[in-house]
Amino acid sequence: MRDTPSRLREAAERLLAERGAARISLRDITDAAGANVASVGYHFGSKDALLDEVVRSSLTEMYDQQRARLAQLPEDAGLEDLVRAWVLPTFATHAEQDEKQRRRSRILQDALNQPSPAVTAQLAEMAAPVQRQLLDRISRHVPHVPQEELWLRHTAVLAALGALGSDAFAGMLAAVPPDRLADQLVAWIVGGLTAEPAGPRQTA
């Protein structure tokens, strides 16, 4: 039988994927793990600390996958390949993901939509190196886009992916075949990244 901390982590991960942090009680976690309520405080300090640890594990896995995918691409890789390396580790409905990956993707979407202070700090620390590398490589393909506008487009894509992964848009995405969704998102992102930059506003 697995040790108590492992059972608590697994139960918290499963519940986070199913419900999101706001709808999980301490009792939910301990009942699912077959543990007593005091065990969470003993091993993790609090329910929130346990949930944050699960999210941190998911973030670490996602950024490790992004770094690995980027490292595998040759220096002259096309923009579509760069975007695909960026998007695929984060989006839950990609056909290549197994159930554990889909579960972790759902956890990440929930964390991005409603981050705790601890998760916000983790995101800032962990995302920065990957995002700098990614934007540096993307910028070579869109030299006509100023850096500040490229950063805005990058941020807008992150926000859109976070929203699309939430329950609010599940009905709208139901008609899109899951094995086509990632391809369609990549095409949309590439189109947005390569668009002409905004010109000066015309006045009458």
N, C-alpha and C. Protein backbone atom coordinates (compact mmCIF):
# COMPACT_ATOMS: atom_id res chain seq x y z
N MET A 1 0.84 -1.20 0.00
CA MET A 1 0.00 0.00 0.00
C MET A 1 0.88 1.25 0.00
N ARG A 2 0.49 2.26 -0.77
CA ARG A 2 1.29 3.47 -0.89
C ARG A 2 1.28 4.25 0.41
N ASP A 3 2.35 5.00 0.67
CA ASP A 3 2.45 5.76 1.91
C ASP A 3 1.42 6.89 1.92
N THR A 4 1.15 7.42 3.10
CA THR A 4 0.09 8.41 3.26
C THR A 4 0.32 9.68 2.43
N PRO A 5 1.52 10.28 2.42
CA PRO A 5 1.71 11.48 1.60
C PRO A 5 1.42 11.23 0.12
N SER A 6 1.83 10.08 -0.39
CA SER A 6 1.56 9.77 -1.80
C SER A 6 0.07 9.63 -2.05
N ARG A 7 -0.63 8.98 -1.15
CA ARG A 7 -2.08 8.83 -1.33
C ARG A 7 -2.77 10.19 -1.28
N LEU A 8 -2.32 11.06 -0.40
CA LEU A 8 -2.92 12.40 -0.30
C LEU A 8 -2.66 13.20 -1.57
N ARG A 9 -1.44 13.13 -2.09
CA ARG A 9 -1.13 13.84 -3.34
C ARG A 9 -1.98 13.33 -4.49
N GLU A 10 -2.09 12.01 -4.61
CA GLU A 10 -2.87 11.43 -5.70
C GLU A 10 -4.34 11.81 -5.59
N ALA A 11 -4.88 11.77 -4.38
CA ALA A 11 -6.28 12.14 -4.18
C ALA A 11 -6.49 13.61 -4.51
N ALA A 12 -5.57 14.48 -4.06
CA ALA A 12 -5.69 15.90 -4.34
C ALA A 12 -5.60 16.17 -5.83
N GLU A 13 -4.71 15.48 -6.53
CA GLU A 13 -4.57 15.66 -7.97
C GLU A 13 -5.85 15.26 -8.70
N ARG A 14 -6.40 14.12 -8.31
CA ARG A 14 -7.63 13.65 -8.95
C ARG A 14 -8.79 14.62 -8.71
N LEU A 15 -8.91 15.11 -7.50
CA LEU A 15 -10.01 16.02 -7.17
C LEU A 15 -9.81 17.38 -7.83
N LEU A 16 -8.57 17.86 -7.90
CA LEU A 16 -8.32 19.13 -8.57
C LEU A 16 -8.73 19.06 -10.04
N ALA A 17 -8.42 17.94 -10.69
CA ALA A 17 -8.78 17.78 -12.10
C ALA A 17 -10.29 17.70 -12.29
N GLU A 18 -10.99 17.10 -11.32
CA GLU A 18 -12.43 16.92 -11.45
C GLU A 18 -13.23 18.16 -11.08
N ARG A 19 -12.77 18.91 -10.06
CA ARG A 19 -13.61 19.97 -9.50
C ARG A 19 -12.99 21.35 -9.49
N GLY A 20 -11.67 21.44 -9.44
CA GLY A 20 -11.03 22.72 -9.20
C GLY A 20 -10.88 22.97 -7.71
N ALA A 21 -9.90 23.79 -7.35
CA ALA A 21 -9.54 23.99 -5.95
C ALA A 21 -10.68 24.55 -5.11
N ALA A 22 -11.50 25.42 -5.70
CA ALA A 22 -12.54 26.10 -4.92
C ALA A 22 -13.62 25.15 -4.42
N ARG A 23 -13.72 23.97 -5.01
CA ARG A 23 -14.80 23.04 -4.65
C ARG A 23 -14.29 21.79 -3.94
N ILE A 24 -13.11 21.89 -3.34
CA ILE A 24 -12.52 20.75 -2.64
C ILE A 24 -12.39 21.09 -1.15
N SER A 25 -12.89 20.20 -0.31
CA SER A 25 -12.73 20.37 1.13
C SER A 25 -11.61 19.46 1.63
N LEU A 26 -11.15 19.73 2.82
CA LEU A 26 -10.14 18.87 3.43
C LEU A 26 -10.67 17.45 3.58
N ARG A 27 -11.92 17.34 3.97
CA ARG A 27 -12.53 16.02 4.14
C ARG A 27 -12.60 15.27 2.82
N ASP A 28 -12.87 15.97 1.72
CA ASP A 28 -12.90 15.33 0.40
C ASP A 28 -11.57 14.62 0.13
N ILE A 29 -10.48 15.33 0.41
CA ILE A 29 -9.16 14.78 0.13
C ILE A 29 -8.85 13.57 1.00
N THR A 30 -9.09 13.72 2.28
CA THR A 30 -8.74 12.62 3.19
C THR A 30 -9.62 11.39 2.97
N ASP A 31 -10.91 11.61 2.67
CA ASP A 31 -11.78 10.47 2.37
C ASP A 31 -11.29 9.73 1.12
N ALA A 32 -10.92 10.51 0.08
CA ALA A 32 -10.46 9.89 -1.16
C ALA A 32 -9.14 9.17 -0.98
N ALA A 33 -8.32 9.65 -0.04
CA ALA A 33 -7.01 9.04 0.19
C ALA A 33 -7.04 7.93 1.23
N GLY A 34 -8.18 7.77 1.93
CA GLY A 34 -8.24 6.80 3.01
C GLY A 34 -7.33 7.18 4.16
N ALA A 35 -7.30 8.49 4.46
CA ALA A 35 -6.43 8.99 5.53
C ALA A 35 -7.26 9.82 6.50
N ASN A 36 -6.68 10.13 7.67
CA ASN A 36 -7.41 10.97 8.62
C ASN A 36 -7.10 12.44 8.37
N VAL A 37 -7.97 13.30 8.89
CA VAL A 37 -7.87 14.74 8.61
C VAL A 37 -6.54 15.31 9.10
N ALA A 38 -6.06 14.82 10.24
CA ALA A 38 -4.82 15.36 10.81
C ALA A 38 -3.61 15.09 9.92
N SER A 39 -3.69 14.08 9.06
CA SER A 39 -2.53 13.71 8.25
C SER A 39 -2.13 14.81 7.27
N VAL A 40 -3.09 15.59 6.80
CA VAL A 40 -2.76 16.67 5.87
C VAL A 40 -1.90 17.71 6.56
N GLY A 41 -2.31 18.12 7.76
CA GLY A 41 -1.52 19.09 8.50
C GLY A 41 -0.15 18.55 8.87
N TYR A 42 -0.09 17.28 9.23
CA TYR A 42 1.18 16.67 9.64
C TYR A 42 2.17 16.62 8.48
N HIS A 43 1.71 16.22 7.28
CA HIS A 43 2.62 16.01 6.16
C HIS A 43 2.82 17.24 5.30
N PHE A 44 1.81 18.13 5.23
CA PHE A 44 1.91 19.26 4.29
C PHE A 44 1.70 20.63 4.94
N GLY A 45 1.17 20.66 6.13
CA GLY A 45 0.94 21.92 6.80
C GLY A 45 -0.49 22.39 6.73
N SER A 46 -1.11 22.24 5.55
CA SER A 46 -2.50 22.67 5.36
C SER A 46 -3.03 22.10 4.05
N LYS A 47 -4.35 22.19 3.88
CA LYS A 47 -4.95 21.76 2.62
C LYS A 47 -4.42 22.59 1.46
N ASP A 48 -4.36 23.92 1.65
CA ASP A 48 -3.89 24.79 0.57
C ASP A 48 -2.45 24.48 0.19
N ALA A 49 -1.61 24.17 1.17
CA ALA A 49 -0.22 23.83 0.88
C ALA A 49 -0.13 22.53 0.07
N LEU A 50 -1.00 21.57 0.39
CA LEU A 50 -1.04 20.32 -0.37
C LEU A 50 -1.47 20.59 -1.81
N LEU A 51 -2.53 21.37 -2.00
CA LEU A 51 -3.00 21.67 -3.34
C LEU A 51 -1.93 22.43 -4.13
N ASP A 52 -1.26 23.38 -3.48
CA ASP A 52 -0.20 24.13 -4.17
C ASP A 52 0.94 23.22 -4.58
N GLU A 53 1.25 22.21 -3.76
CA GLU A 53 2.31 21.27 -4.12
C GLU A 53 1.93 20.47 -5.37
N VAL A 54 0.67 20.07 -5.45
CA VAL A 54 0.20 19.33 -6.63
C VAL A 54 0.27 20.21 -7.87
N VAL A 55 -0.14 21.47 -7.74
CA VAL A 55 -0.07 22.38 -8.88
C VAL A 55 1.39 22.61 -9.29
N ARG A 56 2.27 22.78 -8.31
CA ARG A 56 3.69 22.99 -8.61
C ARG A 56 4.26 21.80 -9.38
N SER A 57 3.86 20.59 -9.00
CA SER A 57 4.32 19.41 -9.72
C SER A 57 3.84 19.43 -11.16
N SER A 58 2.59 19.84 -11.38
CA SER A 58 2.06 19.92 -12.74
C SER A 58 2.77 21.00 -13.55
N LEU A 59 3.04 22.14 -12.93
CA LEU A 59 3.77 23.20 -13.60
C LEU A 59 5.16 22.74 -14.00
N THR A 60 5.83 22.07 -13.08
CA THR A 60 7.19 21.60 -13.36
C THR A 60 7.19 20.65 -14.55
N GLU A 61 6.22 19.75 -14.58
CA GLU A 61 6.14 18.80 -15.69
C GLU A 61 5.88 19.52 -17.01
N MET A 62 4.96 20.50 -16.99
CA MET A 62 4.63 21.21 -18.22
C MET A 62 5.85 21.97 -18.76
N TYR A 63 6.53 22.72 -17.89
CA TYR A 63 7.68 23.49 -18.36
C TYR A 63 8.83 22.59 -18.76
N ASP A 64 8.99 21.45 -18.10
CA ASP A 64 10.01 20.50 -18.53
C ASP A 64 9.70 19.98 -19.93
N GLN A 65 8.42 19.71 -20.19
CA GLN A 65 8.03 19.24 -21.53
C GLN A 65 8.27 20.33 -22.57
N GLN A 66 7.93 21.56 -22.24
CA GLN A 66 8.16 22.65 -23.19
C GLN A 66 9.65 22.82 -23.48
N ARG A 67 10.46 22.81 -22.43
CA ARG A 67 11.91 22.94 -22.64
C ARG A 67 12.44 21.80 -23.50
N ALA A 68 11.98 20.58 -23.21
CA ALA A 68 12.46 19.42 -23.97
C ALA A 68 12.04 19.52 -25.43
N ARG A 69 10.79 19.92 -25.68
CA ARG A 69 10.32 20.04 -27.06
C ARG A 69 11.10 21.12 -27.81
N LEU A 70 11.35 22.25 -27.16
CA LEU A 70 12.11 23.31 -27.81
C LEU A 70 13.54 22.87 -28.08
N ALA A 71 14.14 22.15 -27.13
CA ALA A 71 15.52 21.70 -27.29
C ALA A 71 15.66 20.71 -28.44
N GLN A 72 14.61 19.95 -28.73
CA GLN A 72 14.66 18.97 -29.80
C GLN A 72 14.54 19.61 -31.18
N LEU A 73 14.06 20.84 -31.24
CA LEU A 73 13.87 21.50 -32.52
C LEU A 73 15.19 22.10 -33.01
N PRO A 74 15.49 21.95 -34.30
CA PRO A 74 16.71 22.59 -34.83
C PRO A 74 16.60 24.11 -34.76
N GLU A 75 17.72 24.78 -34.83
CA GLU A 75 17.73 26.24 -34.72
C GLU A 75 16.91 26.91 -35.81
N ASP A 76 16.80 26.26 -36.97
CA ASP A 76 16.04 26.85 -38.06
C ASP A 76 14.60 26.32 -38.11
N ALA A 77 14.09 25.80 -37.00
CA ALA A 77 12.72 25.27 -36.97
C ALA A 77 11.73 26.34 -37.35
N GLY A 78 10.66 25.93 -38.03
CA GLY A 78 9.64 26.86 -38.47
C GLY A 78 8.77 27.34 -37.31
N LEU A 79 8.04 28.41 -37.58
CA LEU A 79 7.21 29.00 -36.54
C LEU A 79 6.13 28.04 -36.07
N GLU A 80 5.54 27.28 -36.98
CA GLU A 80 4.49 26.34 -36.58
C GLU A 80 5.04 25.29 -35.61
N ASP A 81 6.26 24.82 -35.85
CA ASP A 81 6.85 23.83 -34.96
C ASP A 81 7.11 24.43 -33.57
N LEU A 82 7.55 25.69 -33.54
CA LEU A 82 7.77 26.36 -32.26
C LEU A 82 6.48 26.51 -31.48
N VAL A 83 5.43 26.92 -32.18
CA VAL A 83 4.14 27.10 -31.52
C VAL A 83 3.61 25.76 -31.03
N ARG A 84 3.78 24.73 -31.82
CA ARG A 84 3.31 23.40 -31.41
C ARG A 84 4.04 22.93 -30.15
N ALA A 85 5.35 23.18 -30.08
CA ALA A 85 6.11 22.81 -28.89
C ALA A 85 5.63 23.57 -27.67
N TRP A 86 5.15 24.77 -27.88
CA TRP A 86 4.66 25.62 -26.80
C TRP A 86 3.27 25.18 -26.33
N VAL A 87 2.38 24.88 -27.29
CA VAL A 87 0.97 24.65 -26.98
C VAL A 87 0.69 23.23 -26.49
N LEU A 88 1.27 22.23 -27.13
CA LEU A 88 0.84 20.86 -26.87
C LEU A 88 0.99 20.40 -25.43
N PRO A 89 2.05 20.79 -24.70
CA PRO A 89 2.11 20.34 -23.30
C PRO A 89 1.06 20.96 -22.40
N THR A 90 0.38 22.01 -22.87
CA THR A 90 -0.53 22.74 -21.99
C THR A 90 -1.99 22.44 -22.23
N PHE A 91 -2.35 21.88 -23.40
CA PHE A 91 -3.77 21.80 -23.72
C PHE A 91 -4.30 20.40 -23.57
N ALA A 92 -5.35 20.27 -22.76
CA ALA A 92 -5.81 18.96 -22.27
C ALA A 92 -6.40 18.07 -23.34
N THR A 93 -6.93 18.62 -24.43
CA THR A 93 -7.66 17.77 -25.37
C THR A 93 -6.80 17.24 -26.50
N HIS A 94 -5.49 17.47 -26.45
CA HIS A 94 -4.66 16.93 -27.52
C HIS A 94 -4.71 15.41 -27.51
N ALA A 95 -4.90 14.84 -28.69
CA ALA A 95 -5.17 13.40 -28.80
C ALA A 95 -4.03 12.54 -28.27
N GLU A 96 -2.79 13.06 -28.25
CA GLU A 96 -1.66 12.24 -27.82
C GLU A 96 -1.57 12.12 -26.31
N GLN A 97 -2.31 12.93 -25.56
CA GLN A 97 -2.19 12.90 -24.12
C GLN A 97 -2.92 11.71 -23.52
N ASP A 98 -2.29 11.07 -22.52
CA ASP A 98 -2.96 10.01 -21.81
C ASP A 98 -3.79 10.61 -20.67
N GLU A 99 -4.45 9.77 -19.90
CA GLU A 99 -5.36 10.27 -18.87
C GLU A 99 -4.63 11.09 -17.81
N LYS A 100 -3.45 10.67 -17.42
CA LYS A 100 -2.70 11.42 -16.40
C LYS A 100 -2.32 12.80 -16.94
N GLN A 101 -1.90 12.87 -18.21
CA GLN A 101 -1.56 14.15 -18.80
C GLN A 101 -2.78 15.06 -18.90
N ARG A 102 -3.91 14.47 -19.29
CA ARG A 102 -5.13 15.28 -19.37
C ARG A 102 -5.53 15.81 -17.99
N ARG A 103 -5.36 14.95 -16.97
CA ARG A 103 -5.68 15.38 -15.61
C ARG A 103 -4.80 16.56 -15.21
N ARG A 104 -3.51 16.46 -15.47
CA ARG A 104 -2.60 17.54 -15.09
C ARG A 104 -2.87 18.80 -15.92
N SER A 105 -3.25 18.62 -17.17
CA SER A 105 -3.59 19.79 -17.98
C SER A 105 -4.79 20.52 -17.41
N ARG A 106 -5.79 19.77 -16.95
CA ARG A 106 -6.97 20.41 -16.36
C ARG A 106 -6.60 21.14 -15.07
N ILE A 107 -5.69 20.58 -14.30
CA ILE A 107 -5.21 21.24 -13.08
C ILE A 107 -4.55 22.56 -13.44
N LEU A 108 -3.73 22.55 -14.48
CA LEU A 108 -3.03 23.76 -14.89
C LEU A 108 -4.00 24.83 -15.36
N GLN A 109 -5.01 24.43 -16.12
CA GLN A 109 -5.99 25.40 -16.60
C GLN A 109 -6.69 26.06 -15.43
N ASP A 110 -7.06 25.27 -14.43
CA ASP A 110 -7.73 25.82 -13.26
C ASP A 110 -6.79 26.75 -12.50
N ALA A 111 -5.53 26.35 -12.38
CA ALA A 111 -4.56 27.18 -11.66
C ALA A 111 -4.30 28.49 -12.39
N LEU A 112 -4.27 28.46 -13.71
CA LEU A 112 -4.04 29.69 -14.49
C LEU A 112 -5.24 30.62 -14.41
N ASN A 113 -6.44 30.05 -14.32
CA ASN A 113 -7.64 30.88 -14.25
C ASN A 113 -7.84 31.49 -12.87
N GLN A 114 -7.50 30.76 -11.82
CA GLN A 114 -7.70 31.24 -10.45
C GLN A 114 -6.48 30.88 -9.59
N PRO A 115 -5.35 31.51 -9.85
CA PRO A 115 -4.13 31.14 -9.12
C PRO A 115 -4.14 31.64 -7.68
N SER A 116 -3.60 30.83 -6.80
CA SER A 116 -3.37 31.28 -5.43
C SER A 116 -2.11 32.14 -5.43
N PRO A 117 -1.87 32.91 -4.36
CA PRO A 117 -0.63 33.70 -4.30
C PRO A 117 0.63 32.85 -4.49
N ALA A 118 0.64 31.65 -3.89
CA ALA A 118 1.82 30.78 -4.03
C ALA A 118 2.00 30.34 -5.48
N VAL A 119 0.91 30.00 -6.16
CA VAL A 119 1.00 29.56 -7.56
C VAL A 119 1.41 30.73 -8.45
N THR A 120 0.90 31.93 -8.18
CA THR A 120 1.30 33.10 -8.95
C THR A 120 2.81 33.30 -8.89
N ALA A 121 3.37 33.17 -7.70
CA ALA A 121 4.82 33.32 -7.54
C ALA A 121 5.56 32.21 -8.28
N GLN A 122 5.05 30.99 -8.21
CA GLN A 122 5.68 29.87 -8.91
C GLN A 122 5.65 30.09 -10.42
N LEU A 123 4.53 30.57 -10.93
CA LEU A 123 4.41 30.82 -12.36
C LEU A 123 5.45 31.83 -12.83
N ALA A 124 5.58 32.92 -12.08
CA ALA A 124 6.53 33.95 -12.46
C ALA A 124 7.96 33.42 -12.49
N GLU A 125 8.30 32.59 -11.51
CA GLU A 125 9.66 32.06 -11.42
C GLU A 125 9.94 31.00 -12.48
N MET A 126 8.98 30.09 -12.68
CA MET A 126 9.22 28.95 -13.55
C MET A 126 9.02 29.28 -15.03
N ALA A 127 8.10 30.19 -15.32
CA ALA A 127 7.78 30.48 -16.71
C ALA A 127 8.84 31.33 -17.39
N ALA A 128 9.47 32.22 -16.65
CA ALA A 128 10.34 33.22 -17.26
C ALA A 128 11.42 32.63 -18.18
N PRO A 129 12.21 31.63 -17.75
CA PRO A 129 13.26 31.12 -18.63
C PRO A 129 12.72 30.50 -19.92
N VAL A 130 11.63 29.76 -19.81
CA VAL A 130 11.05 29.13 -20.99
C VAL A 130 10.48 30.18 -21.93
N GLN A 131 9.77 31.15 -21.38
CA GLN A 131 9.15 32.17 -22.22
C GLN A 131 10.20 33.02 -22.94
N ARG A 132 11.31 33.33 -22.26
CA ARG A 132 12.37 34.11 -22.91
C ARG A 132 12.95 33.34 -24.10
N GLN A 133 13.20 32.05 -23.89
CA GLN A 133 13.74 31.23 -24.97
C GLN A 133 12.75 31.14 -26.13
N LEU A 134 11.49 30.91 -25.79
CA LEU A 134 10.46 30.79 -26.81
C LEU A 134 10.31 32.08 -27.62
N LEU A 135 10.19 33.20 -26.92
CA LEU A 135 9.98 34.47 -27.63
C LEU A 135 11.20 34.86 -28.45
N ASP A 136 12.38 34.52 -27.98
CA ASP A 136 13.58 34.81 -28.76
C ASP A 136 13.53 34.07 -30.09
N ARG A 137 13.11 32.81 -30.06
CA ARG A 137 13.07 32.03 -31.29
C ARG A 137 11.91 32.46 -32.19
N ILE A 138 10.78 32.78 -31.58
CA ILE A 138 9.63 33.24 -32.38
C ILE A 138 9.95 34.56 -33.05
N SER A 139 10.63 35.46 -32.35
CA SER A 139 10.89 36.80 -32.89
C SER A 139 11.71 36.75 -34.18
N ARG A 140 12.49 35.69 -34.38
CA ARG A 140 13.27 35.57 -35.61
C ARG A 140 12.36 35.39 -36.83
N HIS A 141 11.16 34.85 -36.59
CA HIS A 141 10.22 34.62 -37.69
C HIS A 141 9.30 35.81 -37.94
N VAL A 142 9.25 36.73 -36.99
CA VAL A 142 8.35 37.88 -37.13
C VAL A 142 9.12 39.17 -36.84
N PRO A 143 10.19 39.44 -37.60
CA PRO A 143 11.00 40.63 -37.32
C PRO A 143 10.23 41.93 -37.52
N HIS A 144 9.09 41.86 -38.21
CA HIS A 144 8.29 43.06 -38.45
C HIS A 144 7.43 43.44 -37.24
N VAL A 145 7.36 42.56 -36.24
CA VAL A 145 6.51 42.82 -35.07
C VAL A 145 7.39 43.36 -33.94
N PRO A 146 7.11 44.55 -33.43
CA PRO A 146 7.89 45.10 -32.31
C PRO A 146 7.81 44.17 -31.10
N GLN A 147 8.87 44.18 -30.29
CA GLN A 147 8.95 43.29 -29.15
C GLN A 147 7.78 43.46 -28.18
N GLU A 148 7.39 44.71 -27.91
CA GLU A 148 6.30 44.90 -26.96
C GLU A 148 4.98 44.36 -27.51
N GLU A 149 4.79 44.43 -28.84
CA GLU A 149 3.57 43.89 -29.41
C GLU A 149 3.62 42.36 -29.47
N LEU A 150 4.80 41.81 -29.70
CA LEU A 150 4.95 40.35 -29.69
C LEU A 150 4.65 39.82 -28.29
N TRP A 151 5.11 40.53 -27.27
CA TRP A 151 4.84 40.09 -25.90
C TRP A 151 3.34 40.15 -25.61
N LEU A 152 2.66 41.18 -26.11
CA LEU A 152 1.21 41.28 -25.93
C LEU A 152 0.52 40.10 -26.60
N ARG A 153 0.92 39.75 -27.81
CA ARG A 153 0.29 38.64 -28.52
C ARG A 153 0.54 37.33 -27.75
N HIS A 154 1.74 37.16 -27.27
CA HIS A 154 2.08 35.98 -26.48
C HIS A 154 1.19 35.89 -25.23
N THR A 155 1.03 37.01 -24.53
CA THR A 155 0.21 37.04 -23.33
C THR A 155 -1.25 36.75 -23.66
N ALA A 156 -1.73 37.30 -24.79
CA ALA A 156 -3.11 37.07 -25.20
C ALA A 156 -3.36 35.59 -25.51
N VAL A 157 -2.38 34.93 -26.11
CA VAL A 157 -2.51 33.50 -26.39
C VAL A 157 -2.60 32.71 -25.10
N LEU A 158 -1.74 33.04 -24.12
CA LEU A 158 -1.79 32.34 -22.84
C LEU A 158 -3.16 32.51 -22.19
N ALA A 159 -3.70 33.74 -22.24
CA ALA A 159 -5.01 33.99 -21.64
C ALA A 159 -6.10 33.21 -22.37
N ALA A 160 -6.01 33.16 -23.69
CA ALA A 160 -7.02 32.45 -24.47
C ALA A 160 -6.97 30.95 -24.19
N LEU A 161 -5.78 30.38 -24.11
CA LEU A 161 -5.66 28.95 -23.84
C LEU A 161 -6.20 28.63 -22.45
N GLY A 162 -5.92 29.52 -21.49
CA GLY A 162 -6.46 29.31 -20.15
C GLY A 162 -7.97 29.32 -20.15
N ALA A 163 -8.56 30.27 -20.88
CA ALA A 163 -10.02 30.36 -20.94
C ALA A 163 -10.62 29.15 -21.66
N LEU A 164 -10.00 28.74 -22.75
CA LEU A 164 -10.54 27.60 -23.51
C LEU A 164 -10.50 26.31 -22.72
N GLY A 165 -9.58 26.21 -21.79
CA GLY A 165 -9.49 25.01 -20.97
C GLY A 165 -10.47 24.99 -19.81
N SER A 166 -11.20 26.09 -19.61
CA SER A 166 -12.15 26.15 -18.50
C SER A 166 -13.50 25.56 -18.92
N ASP A 167 -14.34 25.29 -17.94
CA ASP A 167 -15.66 24.72 -18.22
C ASP A 167 -16.55 25.68 -19.01
N ALA A 168 -16.27 26.98 -18.92
CA ALA A 168 -17.14 27.97 -19.55
C ALA A 168 -17.24 27.78 -21.07
N PHE A 169 -16.18 27.25 -21.68
CA PHE A 169 -16.17 27.11 -23.14
C PHE A 169 -16.31 25.67 -23.60
N ALA A 170 -16.55 24.77 -22.67
CA ALA A 170 -16.62 23.35 -23.04
C ALA A 170 -17.71 23.10 -24.08
N GLY A 171 -18.88 23.72 -23.91
CA GLY A 171 -19.97 23.52 -24.86
C GLY A 171 -19.62 24.02 -26.25
N MET A 172 -18.94 25.17 -26.32
CA MET A 172 -18.58 25.74 -27.62
C MET A 172 -17.56 24.88 -28.36
N LEU A 173 -16.71 24.20 -27.60
CA LEU A 173 -15.66 23.38 -28.23
C LEU A 173 -16.13 21.96 -28.50
N ALA A 174 -17.32 21.61 -28.06
CA ALA A 174 -17.79 20.23 -28.18
C ALA A 174 -17.87 19.77 -29.64
N ALA A 175 -18.12 20.70 -30.55
CA ALA A 175 -18.27 20.33 -31.96
C ALA A 175 -16.93 20.16 -32.67
N VAL A 176 -15.84 20.55 -32.03
CA VAL A 176 -14.52 20.43 -32.65
C VAL A 176 -13.94 19.07 -32.34
N PRO A 177 -13.58 18.28 -33.33
CA PRO A 177 -12.98 16.97 -33.07
C PRO A 177 -11.73 17.12 -32.21
N PRO A 178 -11.62 16.40 -31.11
CA PRO A 178 -10.45 16.56 -30.23
C PRO A 178 -9.12 16.39 -30.93
N ASP A 179 -9.05 15.48 -31.93
CA ASP A 179 -7.78 15.27 -32.61
C ASP A 179 -7.46 16.36 -33.61
N ARG A 180 -8.39 17.32 -33.81
CA ARG A 180 -8.14 18.45 -34.71
C ARG A 180 -7.96 19.75 -33.95
N LEU A 181 -8.34 19.77 -32.69
CA LEU A 181 -8.35 21.01 -31.94
C LEU A 181 -6.95 21.62 -31.84
N ALA A 182 -5.95 20.82 -31.51
CA ALA A 182 -4.60 21.35 -31.37
C ALA A 182 -4.11 21.95 -32.68
N ASP A 183 -4.37 21.26 -33.81
CA ASP A 183 -3.95 21.78 -35.12
C ASP A 183 -4.62 23.12 -35.41
N GLN A 184 -5.89 23.23 -35.09
CA GLN A 184 -6.60 24.47 -35.36
C GLN A 184 -6.10 25.60 -34.47
N LEU A 185 -5.79 25.28 -33.22
CA LEU A 185 -5.23 26.30 -32.33
C LEU A 185 -3.87 26.77 -32.81
N VAL A 186 -3.03 25.84 -33.24
CA VAL A 186 -1.71 26.22 -33.75
C VAL A 186 -1.84 27.14 -34.95
N ALA A 187 -2.76 26.82 -35.87
CA ALA A 187 -2.96 27.67 -37.05
C ALA A 187 -3.41 29.07 -36.65
N TRP A 188 -4.32 29.14 -35.69
CA TRP A 188 -4.82 30.44 -35.22
C TRP A 188 -3.70 31.25 -34.57
N ILE A 189 -2.88 30.60 -33.73
CA ILE A 189 -1.81 31.30 -33.03
C ILE A 189 -0.76 31.80 -34.03
N VAL A 190 -0.40 30.96 -34.99
CA VAL A 190 0.57 31.38 -36.00
C VAL A 190 0.04 32.59 -36.77
N GLY A 191 -1.24 32.55 -37.12
CA GLY A 191 -1.83 33.68 -37.83
C GLY A 191 -1.75 34.96 -37.02
N GLY A 192 -2.04 34.85 -35.72
CA GLY A 192 -1.97 36.04 -34.88
C GLY A 192 -0.56 36.56 -34.70
N LEU A 193 0.41 35.66 -34.57
CA LEU A 193 1.79 36.08 -34.38
C LEU A 193 2.38 36.74 -35.62
N THR A 194 1.95 36.31 -36.79
CA THR A 194 2.53 36.82 -38.03
C THR A 194 1.79 38.01 -38.61
N ALA A 195 0.66 38.38 -38.01
CA ALA A 195 -0.11 39.52 -38.53
C ALA A 195 0.72 40.80 -38.51
N GLU A 196 0.38 41.71 -39.40
CA GLU A 196 1.06 42.99 -39.41
C GLU A 196 0.83 43.72 -38.09
N PRO A 197 1.84 44.42 -37.60
CA PRO A 197 1.65 45.14 -36.34
C PRO A 197 0.63 46.25 -36.46
N ALA A 198 0.06 46.63 -35.34
CA ALA A 198 -0.91 47.71 -35.33
C ALA A 198 -0.24 49.01 -35.76
N GLY A 199 -0.89 49.71 -36.69
CA GLY A 199 -0.34 50.99 -37.15
C GLY A 199 -0.83 52.14 -36.27
N PRO A 200 -0.33 53.33 -36.52
CA PRO A 200 -0.78 54.49 -35.74
C PRO A 200 -2.26 54.75 -35.97
N ARG A 201 -2.93 55.14 -34.93
CA ARG A 201 -4.36 55.40 -35.02
C ARG A 201 -4.63 56.62 -35.87
N GLN A 202 -5.54 56.47 -36.80
CA GLN A 202 -5.88 57.59 -37.69
C GLN A 202 -6.91 58.50 -37.02
N THR A 203 -6.68 59.76 -37.11
CA THR A 203 -7.63 60.73 -36.56
C THR A 203 -8.30 61.49 -37.68
N ALA A 204 -9.55 61.89 -37.42
CA ALA A 204 -10.30 62.61 -38.45
C ALA A 204 -9.74 64.00 -38.65
